[in-house]
Amino acid sequence: EMARDEIEASEEMLPKVEREVKFLLVPADPEDGKNAILEI
């Protein structure tokens, strides 16, 4: 029963974490980490 609960909980979380991993794999804009000048 513990094993089934562990599988169920992990399988439920896996797609979300997989999406997050894939987003992080996309190359970021090299400027994203910089400070900014804001004009209004």
Full PDB file with SEQRES, HELIX, SHEET, SSBOND, CRYST1, ORIGX, SCALE, CONECT and MASTER records, all heavy atoms in Angstrom:
SEQRES   1 A   40  GLU MET ALA ARG ASP GLU ILE GLU ALA SER GLU GLU MET          
SEQRES   2 A   40  LEU PRO LYS VAL GLU ARG GLU VAL LYS PHE LEU LEU VAL          
SEQRES   3 A   40  PRO ALA ASP PRO GLU ASP GLY LYS ASN ALA ILE LEU GLU          
SEQRES   4 A   40  ILE                                                          
HELIX    1 AA1 MET A    2  LEU A   25  1                                  24    
CRYST1    1.000    1.000    1.000  90.00  90.00  90.00 P 1           1          
ORIGX1      1.000000  0.000000  0.000000        0.00000                         
ORIGX2      0.000000  1.000000  0.000000        0.00000                         
ORIGX3      0.000000  0.000000  1.000000        0.00000                         
SCALE1      1.000000  0.000000  0.000000        0.00000                         
SCALE2      0.000000  1.000000  0.000000        0.00000                         
SCALE3      0.000000  0.000000  1.000000        0.00000                         
ATOM      1  N   GLU A   1       0.831  -1.203   0.000  1.00  0.00           N  
ATOM      2  CA  GLU A   1       0.000   0.000   0.000  1.00  0.00           C  
ATOM      3  C   GLU A   1       0.867   1.257   0.000  1.00  0.00           C  
ATOM      4  O   GLU A   1       0.571   2.232  -0.708  1.00  0.00           O  
ATOM      5  CB  GLU A   1      -0.915  -0.019   1.237  1.00  0.00           C  
ATOM      6  CG  GLU A   1      -1.942   1.102   1.282  1.00  0.00           C  
ATOM      7  CD  GLU A   1      -2.902   1.081   0.098  1.00  0.00           C  
ATOM      8  OE1 GLU A   1      -3.236  -0.006  -0.395  1.00  0.00           O  
ATOM      9  OE2 GLU A   1      -3.299   2.177  -0.348  1.00  0.00           O  
ATOM     10  N   MET A   2       1.945   1.239   0.778  1.00  0.00           N  
ATOM     11  CA  MET A   2       2.899   2.363   0.806  1.00  0.00           C  
ATOM     12  C   MET A   2       3.515   2.572  -0.570  1.00  0.00           C  
ATOM     13  O   MET A   2       3.688   3.707  -1.023  1.00  0.00           O  
ATOM     14  CB  MET A   2       4.010   2.096   1.835  1.00  0.00           C  
ATOM     15  CG  MET A   2       3.585   2.338   3.277  1.00  0.00           C  
ATOM     16  SD  MET A   2       4.897   1.889   4.443  1.00  0.00           S  
ATOM     17  CE  MET A   2       6.202   3.002   3.962  1.00  0.00           C  
ATOM     18  N   ALA A   3       3.856   1.468  -1.225  1.00  0.00           N  
ATOM     19  CA  ALA A   3       4.458   1.546  -2.568  1.00  0.00           C  
ATOM     20  C   ALA A   3       3.471   2.147  -3.561  1.00  0.00           C  
ATOM     21  O   ALA A   3       3.840   2.990  -4.391  1.00  0.00           O  
ATOM     22  CB  ALA A   3       4.899   0.154  -3.030  1.00  0.00           C  
ATOM     23  N   ARG A   4       2.191   1.713  -3.472  1.00  0.00           N  
ATOM     24  CA  ARG A   4       1.173   2.261  -4.379  1.00  0.00           C  
ATOM     25  C   ARG A   4       0.990   3.766  -4.163  1.00  0.00           C  
ATOM     26  O   ARG A   4       0.865   4.539  -5.115  1.00  0.00           O  
ATOM     27  CB  ARG A   4      -0.161   1.518  -4.181  1.00  0.00           C  
ATOM     28  CG  ARG A   4      -0.217   0.184  -4.913  1.00  0.00           C  
ATOM     29  CD  ARG A   4      -1.624  -0.375  -4.946  1.00  0.00           C  
ATOM     30  NE  ARG A   4      -2.036  -0.879  -3.640  1.00  0.00           N  
ATOM     31  CZ  ARG A   4      -1.891  -2.162  -3.246  1.00  0.00           C  
ATOM     32  NH1 ARG A   4      -1.359  -3.044  -4.074  1.00  0.00           N  
ATOM     33  NH2 ARG A   4      -2.271  -2.530  -2.056  1.00  0.00           N  
ATOM     34  N   ASP A   5       0.983   4.183  -2.884  1.00  0.00           N  
ATOM     35  CA  ASP A   5       0.844   5.615  -2.561  1.00  0.00           C  
ATOM     36  C   ASP A   5       2.014   6.422  -3.121  1.00  0.00           C  
ATOM     37  O   ASP A   5       1.834   7.517  -3.650  1.00  0.00           O  
ATOM     38  CB  ASP A   5       0.766   5.815  -1.041  1.00  0.00           C  
ATOM     39  CG  ASP A   5      -0.566   5.336  -0.460  1.00  0.00           C  
ATOM     40  OD1 ASP A   5      -1.497   5.120  -1.255  1.00  0.00           O  
ATOM     41  OD2 ASP A   5      -0.651   5.172   0.775  1.00  0.00           O  
ATOM     42  N   GLU A   6       3.215   5.839  -3.004  1.00  0.00           N  
ATOM     43  CA  GLU A   6       4.426   6.522  -3.496  1.00  0.00           C  
ATOM     44  C   GLU A   6       4.382   6.667  -5.014  1.00  0.00           C  
ATOM     45  O   GLU A   6       4.704   7.730  -5.567  1.00  0.00           O  
ATOM     46  CB  GLU A   6       5.666   5.730  -3.075  1.00  0.00           C  
ATOM     47  CG  GLU A   6       6.991   6.394  -3.414  1.00  0.00           C  
ATOM     48  CD  GLU A   6       7.225   7.694  -2.663  1.00  0.00           C  
ATOM     49  OE1 GLU A   6       7.082   7.723  -1.439  1.00  0.00           O  
ATOM     50  OE2 GLU A   6       7.529   8.702  -3.344  1.00  0.00           O  
ATOM     51  N   ILE A   7       3.965   5.605  -5.692  1.00  0.00           N  
ATOM     52  CA  ILE A   7       3.858   5.644  -7.156  1.00  0.00           C  
ATOM     53  C   ILE A   7       2.826   6.686  -7.583  1.00  0.00           C  
ATOM     54  O   ILE A   7       3.069   7.494  -8.469  1.00  0.00           O  
ATOM     55  CB  ILE A   7       3.479   4.250  -7.722  1.00  0.00           C  
ATOM     56  CG1 ILE A   7       4.641   3.258  -7.525  1.00  0.00           C  
ATOM     57  CG2 ILE A   7       3.123   4.348  -9.204  1.00  0.00           C  
ATOM     58  CD1 ILE A   7       4.260   1.802  -7.777  1.00  0.00           C  
ATOM     59  N   GLU A   8       1.661   6.647  -6.925  1.00  0.00           N  
ATOM     60  CA  GLU A   8       0.573   7.572  -7.276  1.00  0.00           C  
ATOM     61  C   GLU A   8       0.990   9.034  -7.085  1.00  0.00           C  
ATOM     62  O   GLU A   8       0.765   9.881  -7.961  1.00  0.00           O  
ATOM     63  CB  GLU A   8      -0.658   7.269  -6.420  1.00  0.00           C  
ATOM     64  CG  GLU A   8      -1.891   8.038  -6.861  1.00  0.00           C  
ATOM     65  CD  GLU A   8      -3.102   7.750  -5.974  1.00  0.00           C  
ATOM     66  OE1 GLU A   8      -3.129   6.677  -5.330  1.00  0.00           O  
ATOM     67  OE2 GLU A   8      -4.001   8.611  -5.931  1.00  0.00           O  
ATOM     68  N   ALA A   9       1.614   9.320  -5.925  1.00  0.00           N  
ATOM     69  CA  ALA A   9       2.044  10.702  -5.633  1.00  0.00           C  
ATOM     70  C   ALA A   9       3.113  11.175  -6.616  1.00  0.00           C  
ATOM     71  O   ALA A   9       3.071  12.310  -7.111  1.00  0.00           O  
ATOM     72  CB  ALA A   9       2.570  10.797  -4.201  1.00  0.00           C  
ATOM     73  N   SER A  10       4.063  10.292  -6.925  1.00  0.00           N  
ATOM     74  CA  SER A  10       5.157  10.660  -7.833  1.00  0.00           C  
ATOM     75  C   SER A  10       4.665  10.838  -9.265  1.00  0.00           C  
ATOM     76  O   SER A  10       5.085  11.755  -9.971  1.00  0.00           O  
ATOM     77  CB  SER A  10       6.272   9.602  -7.789  1.00  0.00           C  
ATOM     78  OG  SER A  10       6.842   9.551  -6.488  1.00  0.00           O  
ATOM     79  N   GLU A  11       3.761   9.947  -9.701  1.00  0.00           N  
ATOM     80  CA  GLU A  11       3.216  10.056 -11.067  1.00  0.00           C  
ATOM     81  C   GLU A  11       2.372  11.316 -11.232  1.00  0.00           C  
ATOM     82  O   GLU A  11       2.308  11.891 -12.308  1.00  0.00           O  
ATOM     83  CB  GLU A  11       2.391   8.806 -11.401  1.00  0.00           C  
ATOM     84  CG  GLU A  11       3.260   7.607 -11.725  1.00  0.00           C  
ATOM     85  CD  GLU A  11       2.460   6.371 -12.120  1.00  0.00           C  
ATOM     86  OE1 GLU A  11       1.249   6.304 -11.765  1.00  0.00           O  
ATOM     87  OE2 GLU A  11       3.046   5.469 -12.760  1.00  0.00           O  
ATOM     88  N   GLU A  12       1.727  11.726 -10.146  1.00  0.00           N  
ATOM     89  CA  GLU A  12       0.920  12.944 -10.191  1.00  0.00           C  
ATOM     90  C   GLU A  12       1.800  14.187 -10.348  1.00  0.00           C  
ATOM     91  O   GLU A  12       1.461  15.124 -11.065  1.00  0.00           O  
ATOM     92  CB  GLU A  12       0.091  13.058  -8.900  1.00  0.00           C  
ATOM     93  CG  GLU A  12      -0.979  14.133  -8.963  1.00  0.00           C  
ATOM     94  CD  GLU A  12      -1.807  14.205  -7.682  1.00  0.00           C  
ATOM     95  OE1 GLU A  12      -2.037  13.146  -7.058  1.00  0.00           O  
ATOM     96  OE2 GLU A  12      -2.197  15.316  -7.301  1.00  0.00           O  
ATOM     97  N   MET A  13       2.945  14.174  -9.684  1.00  0.00           N  
ATOM     98  CA  MET A  13       3.847  15.337  -9.724  1.00  0.00           C  
ATOM     99  C   MET A  13       4.733  15.373 -10.962  1.00  0.00           C  
ATOM    100  O   MET A  13       5.179  16.435 -11.387  1.00  0.00           O  
ATOM    101  CB  MET A  13       4.750  15.348  -8.478  1.00  0.00           C  
ATOM    102  CG  MET A  13       4.047  15.752  -7.200  1.00  0.00           C  
ATOM    103  SD  MET A  13       5.208  15.753  -5.800  1.00  0.00           S  
ATOM    104  CE  MET A  13       6.326  17.074  -6.286  1.00  0.00           C  
ATOM    105  N   LEU A  14       5.005  14.206 -11.534  1.00  0.00           N  
ATOM    106  CA  LEU A  14       5.987  14.094 -12.614  1.00  0.00           C  
ATOM    107  C   LEU A  14       5.722  15.009 -13.816  1.00  0.00           C  
ATOM    108  O   LEU A  14       6.643  15.706 -14.264  1.00  0.00           O  
ATOM    109  CB  LEU A  14       6.097  12.632 -13.067  1.00  0.00           C  
ATOM    110  CG  LEU A  14       7.302  12.310 -13.958  1.00  0.00           C  
ATOM    111  CD1 LEU A  14       8.608  12.479 -13.204  1.00  0.00           C  
ATOM    112  CD2 LEU A  14       7.202  10.877 -14.489  1.00  0.00           C  
ATOM    113  N   PRO A  15       4.490  15.072 -14.380  1.00  0.00           N  
ATOM    114  CA  PRO A  15       4.276  15.933 -15.561  1.00  0.00           C  
ATOM    115  C   PRO A  15       4.601  17.406 -15.295  1.00  0.00           C  
ATOM    116  O   PRO A  15       5.172  18.082 -16.153  1.00  0.00           O  
ATOM    117  CB  PRO A  15       2.790  15.744 -15.874  1.00  0.00           C  
ATOM    118  CG  PRO A  15       2.419  14.459 -15.244  1.00  0.00           C  
ATOM    119  CD  PRO A  15       3.268  14.348 -14.013  1.00  0.00           C  
ATOM    120  N   LYS A  16       4.227  17.903 -14.100  1.00  0.00           N  
ATOM    121  CA  LYS A  16       4.478  19.300 -13.750  1.00  0.00           C  
ATOM    122  C   LYS A  16       5.984  19.571 -13.679  1.00  0.00           C  
ATOM    123  O   LYS A  16       6.488  20.538 -14.257  1.00  0.00           O  
ATOM    124  CB  LYS A  16       3.831  19.616 -12.401  1.00  0.00           C  
ATOM    125  CG  LYS A  16       4.106  21.040 -11.889  1.00  0.00           C  
ATOM    126  CD  LYS A  16       3.385  21.285 -10.567  1.00  0.00           C  
ATOM    127  CE  LYS A  16       3.716  22.661 -10.004  1.00  0.00           C  
ATOM    128  NZ  LYS A  16       5.086  22.732  -9.455  1.00  0.00           N  
ATOM    129  N   VAL A  17       6.717  18.697 -12.998  1.00  0.00           N  
ATOM    130  CA  VAL A  17       8.173  18.886 -12.856  1.00  0.00           C  
ATOM    131  C   VAL A  17       8.849  18.721 -14.214  1.00  0.00           C  
ATOM    132  O   VAL A  17       9.802  19.442 -14.537  1.00  0.00           O  
ATOM    133  CB  VAL A  17       8.757  17.904 -11.814  1.00  0.00           C  
ATOM    134  CG1 VAL A  17      10.276  18.030 -11.732  1.00  0.00           C  
ATOM    135  CG2 VAL A  17       8.140  18.168 -10.438  1.00  0.00           C  
ATOM    136  N   GLU A  18       8.337  17.799 -15.048  1.00  0.00           N  
ATOM    137  CA  GLU A  18       8.897  17.615 -16.389  1.00  0.00           C  
ATOM    138  C   GLU A  18       8.743  18.890 -17.221  1.00  0.00           C  
ATOM    139  O   GLU A  18       9.672  19.299 -17.920  1.00  0.00           O  
ATOM    140  CB  GLU A  18       8.221  16.441 -17.090  1.00  0.00           C  
ATOM    141  CG  GLU A  18       8.841  16.118 -18.445  1.00  0.00           C  
ATOM    142  CD  GLU A  18       8.258  14.841 -19.056  1.00  0.00           C  
ATOM    143  OE1 GLU A  18       8.175  13.821 -18.342  1.00  0.00           O  
ATOM    144  OE2 GLU A  18       7.901  14.886 -20.247  1.00  0.00           O  
ATOM    145  N   ARG A  19       7.559  19.531 -17.134  1.00  0.00           N  
ATOM    146  CA  ARG A  19       7.339  20.799 -17.845  1.00  0.00           C  
ATOM    147  C   ARG A  19       8.321  21.864 -17.367  1.00  0.00           C  
ATOM    148  O   ARG A  19       8.887  22.612 -18.157  1.00  0.00           O  
ATOM    149  CB  ARG A  19       5.900  21.296 -17.629  1.00  0.00           C  
ATOM    150  CG  ARG A  19       4.883  20.688 -18.555  1.00  0.00           C  
ATOM    151  CD  ARG A  19       3.568  21.469 -18.574  1.00  0.00           C  
ATOM    152  NE  ARG A  19       3.022  21.685 -17.249  1.00  0.00           N  
ATOM    153  CZ  ARG A  19       2.229  20.821 -16.608  1.00  0.00           C  
ATOM    154  NH1 ARG A  19       1.904  19.676 -17.189  1.00  0.00           N  
ATOM    155  NH2 ARG A  19       1.750  21.103 -15.409  1.00  0.00           N  
ATOM    156  N   GLU A  20       8.520  21.922 -16.049  1.00  0.00           N  
ATOM    157  CA  GLU A  20       9.438  22.917 -15.474  1.00  0.00           C  
ATOM    158  C   GLU A  20      10.872  22.689 -15.954  1.00  0.00           C  
ATOM    159  O   GLU A  20      11.604  23.632 -16.246  1.00  0.00           O  
ATOM    160  CB  GLU A  20       9.363  22.889 -13.946  1.00  0.00           C  
ATOM    161  CG  GLU A  20       8.045  23.447 -13.406  1.00  0.00           C  
ATOM    162  CD  GLU A  20       7.846  23.184 -11.920  1.00  0.00           C  
ATOM    163  OE1 GLU A  20       8.646  22.420 -11.326  1.00  0.00           O  
ATOM    164  OE2 GLU A  20       6.888  23.742 -11.352  1.00  0.00           O  
ATOM    165  N   VAL A  21      11.267  21.417 -16.035  1.00  0.00           N  
ATOM    166  CA  VAL A  21      12.603  21.078 -16.543  1.00  0.00           C  
ATOM    167  C   VAL A  21      12.744  21.543 -17.989  1.00  0.00           C  
ATOM    168  O   VAL A  21      13.736  22.164 -18.371  1.00  0.00           O  
ATOM    169  CB  VAL A  21      12.866  19.552 -16.442  1.00  0.00           C  
ATOM    170  CG1 VAL A  21      14.097  19.161 -17.264  1.00  0.00           C  
ATOM    171  CG2 VAL A  21      13.087  19.150 -14.987  1.00  0.00           C  
ATOM    172  N   LYS A  22      11.711  21.272 -18.798  1.00  0.00           N  
ATOM    173  CA  LYS A  22      11.758  21.641 -20.219  1.00  0.00           C  
ATOM    174  C   LYS A  22      11.814  23.158 -20.402  1.00  0.00           C  
ATOM    175  O   LYS A  22      12.515  23.653 -21.275  1.00  0.00           O  
ATOM    176  CB  LYS A  22      10.557  21.045 -20.959  1.00  0.00           C  
ATOM    177  CG  LYS A  22      10.673  19.538 -21.161  1.00  0.00           C  
ATOM    178  CD  LYS A  22       9.445  18.963 -21.853  1.00  0.00           C  
ATOM    179  CE  LYS A  22       9.618  17.492 -22.152  1.00  0.00           C  
ATOM    180  NZ  LYS A  22       8.446  16.910 -22.833  1.00  0.00           N  
ATOM    181  N   PHE A  23      11.075  23.894 -19.562  1.00  0.00           N  
ATOM    182  CA  PHE A  23      11.126  25.354 -19.635  1.00  0.00           C  
ATOM    183  C   PHE A  23      12.543  25.847 -19.345  1.00  0.00           C  
ATOM    184  O   PHE A  23      13.057  26.735 -20.006  1.00  0.00           O  
ATOM    185  CB  PHE A  23      10.154  25.993 -18.629  1.00  0.00           C  
ATOM    186  CG  PHE A  23       8.718  25.943 -19.058  1.00  0.00           C  
ATOM    187  CD1 PHE A  23       7.699  25.858 -18.120  1.00  0.00           C  
ATOM    188  CD2 PHE A  23       8.362  25.991 -20.398  1.00  0.00           C  
ATOM    189  CE1 PHE A  23       6.366  25.818 -18.505  1.00  0.00           C  
ATOM    190  CE2 PHE A  23       7.027  25.950 -20.802  1.00  0.00           C  
ATOM    191  CZ  PHE A  23       6.030  25.858 -19.851  1.00  0.00           C  
ATOM    192  N   LEU A  24      13.177  25.236 -18.332  1.00  0.00           N  
ATOM    193  CA  LEU A  24      14.537  25.656 -17.957  1.00  0.00           C  
ATOM    194  C   LEU A  24      15.561  25.280 -19.025  1.00  0.00           C  
ATOM    195  O   LEU A  24      16.627  25.891 -19.112  1.00  0.00           O  
ATOM    196  CB  LEU A  24      14.935  25.047 -16.604  1.00  0.00           C  
ATOM    197  CG  LEU A  24      14.239  25.636 -15.373  1.00  0.00           C  
ATOM    198  CD1 LEU A  24      14.558  24.807 -14.133  1.00  0.00           C  
ATOM    199  CD2 LEU A  24      14.669  27.088 -15.141  1.00  0.00           C  
ATOM    200  N   LEU A  25      15.226  24.247 -19.830  1.00  0.00           N  
ATOM    201  CA  LEU A  25      16.142  23.841 -20.903  1.00  0.00           C  
ATOM    202  C   LEU A  25      16.124  24.817 -22.082  1.00  0.00           C  
ATOM    203  O   LEU A  25      17.068  24.863 -22.864  1.00  0.00           O  
ATOM    204  CB  LEU A  25      15.774  22.441 -21.419  1.00  0.00           C  
ATOM    205  CG  LEU A  25      16.248  21.253 -20.574  1.00  0.00           C  
ATOM    206  CD1 LEU A  25      15.615  19.975 -21.078  1.00  0.00           C  
ATOM    207  CD2 LEU A  25      17.765  21.149 -20.563  1.00  0.00           C  
ATOM    208  N   VAL A  26      15.043  25.605 -22.199  1.00  0.00           N  
ATOM    209  CA  VAL A  26      14.966  26.593 -23.282  1.00  0.00           C  
ATOM    210  C   VAL A  26      15.976  27.701 -22.995  1.00  0.00           C  
ATOM    211  O   VAL A  26      15.980  28.270 -21.905  1.00  0.00           O  
ATOM    212  CB  VAL A  26      13.547  27.201 -23.380  1.00  0.00           C  
ATOM    213  CG1 VAL A  26      13.507  28.290 -24.435  1.00  0.00           C  
ATOM    214  CG2 VAL A  26      12.540  26.118 -23.706  1.00  0.00           C  
ATOM    215  N   PRO A  27      16.858  28.000 -23.948  1.00  0.00           N  
ATOM    216  CA  PRO A  27      17.873  29.042 -23.697  1.00  0.00           C  
ATOM    217  C   PRO A  27      17.220  30.368 -23.306  1.00  0.00           C  
ATOM    218  O   PRO A  27      16.314  30.859 -23.980  1.00  0.00           O  
ATOM    219  CB  PRO A  27      18.599  29.173 -25.046  1.00  0.00           C  
ATOM    220  CG  PRO A  27      18.313  27.903 -25.767  1.00  0.00           C  
ATOM    221  CD  PRO A  27      16.960  27.451 -25.300  1.00  0.00           C  
ATOM    222  N   ALA A  28      17.683  30.933 -22.206  1.00  0.00           N  
ATOM    223  CA  ALA A  28      17.142  32.221 -21.736  1.00  0.00           C  
ATOM    224  C   ALA A  28      17.753  33.358 -22.546  1.00  0.00           C  
ATOM    225  O   ALA A  28      18.836  33.227 -23.126  1.00  0.00           O  
ATOM    226  CB  ALA A  28      17.474  32.406 -20.261  1.00  0.00           C  
ATOM    227  N   ASP A  29      17.016  34.464 -22.606  1.00  0.00           N  
ATOM    228  CA  ASP A  29      17.573  35.680 -23.195  1.00  0.00           C  
ATOM    229  C   ASP A  29      18.792  36.060 -22.356  1.00  0.00           C  
ATOM    230  O   ASP A  29      18.693  36.183 -21.131  1.00  0.00           O  
ATOM    231  CB  ASP A  29      16.506  36.788 -23.121  1.00  0.00           C  
ATOM    232  CG  ASP A  29      16.955  38.083 -23.777  1.00  0.00           C  
ATOM    233  OD1 ASP A  29      18.171  38.340 -23.845  1.00  0.00           O  
ATOM    234  OD2 ASP A  29      16.085  38.859 -24.213  1.00  0.00           O  
ATOM    235  N   PRO A  30      19.967  36.220 -22.975  1.00  0.00           N  
ATOM    236  CA  PRO A  30      21.170  36.535 -22.198  1.00  0.00           C  
ATOM    237  C   PRO A  30      21.059  37.836 -21.405  1.00  0.00           C  
ATOM    238  O   PRO A  30      21.828  38.078 -20.479  1.00  0.00           O  
ATOM    239  CB  PRO A  30      22.276  36.630 -23.265  1.00  0.00           C  
ATOM    240  CG  PRO A  30      21.563  36.795 -24.567  1.00  0.00           C  
ATOM    241  CD  PRO A  30      20.245  36.117 -24.412  1.00  0.00           C  
ATOM    242  N   GLU A  31      20.081  38.667 -21.758  1.00  0.00           N  
ATOM    243  CA  GLU A  31      19.922  39.945 -21.048  1.00  0.00           C  
ATOM    244  C   GLU A  31      19.065  39.819 -19.784  1.00  0.00           C  
ATOM    245  O   GLU A  31      19.016  40.754 -18.983  1.00  0.00           O  
ATOM    246  CB  GLU A  31      19.260  40.988 -21.965  1.00  0.00           C  
ATOM    247  CG  GLU A  31      19.840  41.090 -23.364  1.00  0.00           C  
ATOM    248  CD  GLU A  31      21.328  41.376 -23.361  1.00  0.00           C  
ATOM    249  OE1 GLU A  31      21.750  42.263 -22.602  1.00  0.00           O  
ATOM    250  OE2 GLU A  31      22.056  40.710 -24.110  1.00  0.00           O  
ATOM    251  N   ASP A  32      18.384  38.702 -19.620  1.00  0.00           N  
ATOM    252  CA  ASP A  32      17.396  38.587 -18.542  1.00  0.00           C  
ATOM    253  C   ASP A  32      17.944  38.864 -17.147  1.00  0.00           C  
ATOM    254  O   ASP A  32      17.223  39.348 -16.281  1.00  0.00           O  
ATOM    255  CB  ASP A  32      16.746  37.193 -18.569  1.00  0.00           C  
ATOM    256  CG  ASP A  32      15.655  37.091 -19.627  1.00  0.00           C  
ATOM    257  OD1 ASP A  32      15.360  38.113 -20.280  1.00  0.00           O  
ATOM    258  OD2 ASP A  32      15.098  35.991 -19.808  1.00  0.00           O  
ATOM    259  N   GLY A  33      19.195  38.542 -16.923  1.00  0.00           N  
ATOM    260  CA  GLY A  33      19.771  38.730 -15.587  1.00  0.00           C  
ATOM    261  C   GLY A  33      20.198  40.153 -15.276  1.00  0.00           C  
ATOM    262  O   GLY A  33      20.613  40.458 -14.154  1.00  0.00           O  
ATOM    263  N   LYS A  34      20.103  41.034 -16.254  1.00  0.00           N  
ATOM    264  CA  LYS A  34      20.620  42.402 -16.077  1.00  0.00           C  
ATOM    265  C   LYS A  34      19.666  43.293 -15.279  1.00  0.00           C  
ATOM    266  O   LYS A  34      18.481  43.000 -15.139  1.00  0.00           O  
ATOM    267  CB  LYS A  34      20.859  43.049 -17.443  1.00  0.00           C  
ATOM    268  CG  LYS A  34      22.032  42.470 -18.228  1.00  0.00           C  
ATOM    269  CD  LYS A  34      22.194  43.226 -19.541  1.00  0.00           C  
ATOM    270  CE  LYS A  34      23.309  42.636 -20.399  1.00  0.00           C  
ATOM    271  NZ  LYS A  34      24.625  43.079 -20.013  1.00  0.00           N  
ATOM    272  N   ASN A  35      20.219  44.402 -14.761  1.00  0.00           N  
ATOM    273  CA  ASN A  35      19.395  45.482 -14.219  1.00  0.00           C  
ATOM    274  C   ASN A  35      18.673  46.140 -15.391  1.00  0.00           C  
ATOM    275  O   ASN A  35      18.941  45.826 -16.550  1.00  0.00           O  
ATOM    276  CB  ASN A  35      20.261  46.515 -13.505  1.00  0.00           C  
ATOM    277  CG  ASN A  35      20.980  45.919 -12.308  1.00  0.00           C  
ATOM    278  OD1 ASN A  35      20.443  45.045 -11.631  1.00  0.00           O  
ATOM    279  ND2 ASN A  35      22.182  46.386 -12.033  1.00  0.00           N  
ATOM    280  N   ALA A  36      17.767  47.072 -15.103  1.00  0.00           N  
ATOM    281  CA  ALA A  36      16.992  47.671 -16.191  1.00  0.00           C  
ATOM    282  C   ALA A  36      16.864  49.184 -16.039  1.00  0.00           C  
ATOM    283  O   ALA A  36      16.947  49.724 -14.937  1.00  0.00           O  
ATOM    284  CB  ALA A  36      15.592  47.057 -16.235  1.00  0.00           C  
ATOM    285  N   ILE A  37      16.686  49.828 -17.181  1.00  0.00           N  
ATOM    286  CA  ILE A  37      16.306  51.244 -17.221  1.00  0.00           C  
ATOM    287  C   ILE A  37      14.816  51.269 -17.557  1.00  0.00           C  
ATOM    288  O   ILE A  37      14.387  50.695 -18.559  1.00  0.00           O  
ATOM    289  CB  ILE A  37      17.107  52.026 -18.288  1.00  0.00           C  
ATOM    290  CG1 ILE A  37      18.614  51.965 -18.007  1.00  0.00           C  
ATOM    291  CG2 ILE A  37      16.623  53.474 -18.351  1.00  0.00           C  
ATOM    292  CD1 ILE A  37      19.091  52.684 -16.755  1.00  0.00           C  
ATOM    293  N   LEU A  38      14.029  51.887 -16.694  1.00  0.00           N  
ATOM    294  CA  LEU A  38      12.581  51.974 -16.869  1.00  0.00           C  
ATOM    295  C   LEU A  38      12.208  53.394 -17.281  1.00  0.00           C  
ATOM    296  O   LEU A  38      12.564  54.356 -16.603  1.00  0.00           O  
ATOM    297  CB  LEU A  38      11.897  51.620 -15.540  1.00  0.00           C  
ATOM    298  CG  LEU A  38      10.384  51.878 -15.429  1.00  0.00           C  
ATOM    299  CD1 LEU A  38       9.611  50.919 -16.326  1.00  0.00           C  
ATOM    300  CD2 LEU A  38       9.923  51.739 -13.980  1.00  0.00           C  
ATOM    301  N   GLU A  39      11.520  53.512 -18.405  1.00  0.00           N  
ATOM    302  CA  GLU A  39      11.074  54.831 -18.889  1.00  0.00           C  
ATOM    303  C   GLU A  39       9.554  54.825 -18.997  1.00  0.00           C  
ATOM    304  O   GLU A  39       8.977  53.896 -19.555  1.00  0.00           O  
ATOM    305  CB  GLU A  39      11.595  55.117 -20.309  1.00  0.00           C  
ATOM    306  CG  GLU A  39      13.079  55.081 -20.496  1.00  0.00           C  
ATOM    307  CD  GLU A  39      13.436  55.239 -21.981  1.00  0.00           C  
ATOM    308  OE1 GLU A  39      12.518  55.296 -22.822  1.00  0.00           O  
ATOM    309  OE2 GLU A  39      14.622  55.287 -22.279  1.00  0.00           O  
ATOM    310  N   ILE A  40       8.941  55.871 -18.492  1.00  0.00           N  
ATOM    311  CA  ILE A  40       7.491  56.028 -18.648  1.00  0.00           C  
ATOM    312  C   ILE A  40       7.247  57.411 -19.246  1.00  0.00           C  
ATOM    313  O   ILE A  40       7.728  58.415 -18.703  1.00  0.00           O  
ATOM    314  CB  ILE A  40       6.748  55.892 -17.302  1.00  0.00           C  
ATOM    315  CG1 ILE A  40       7.101  54.562 -16.634  1.00  0.00           C  
ATOM    316  CG2 ILE A  40       5.233  55.999 -17.518  1.00  0.00           C  
ATOM    317  CD1 ILE A  40       6.616  54.427 -15.213  1.00  0.00           C  
TER     318      ILE A  40                                                      
MASTER        0    0    0    1    0    0    0    6  317    1    0    4          
END                                                                             
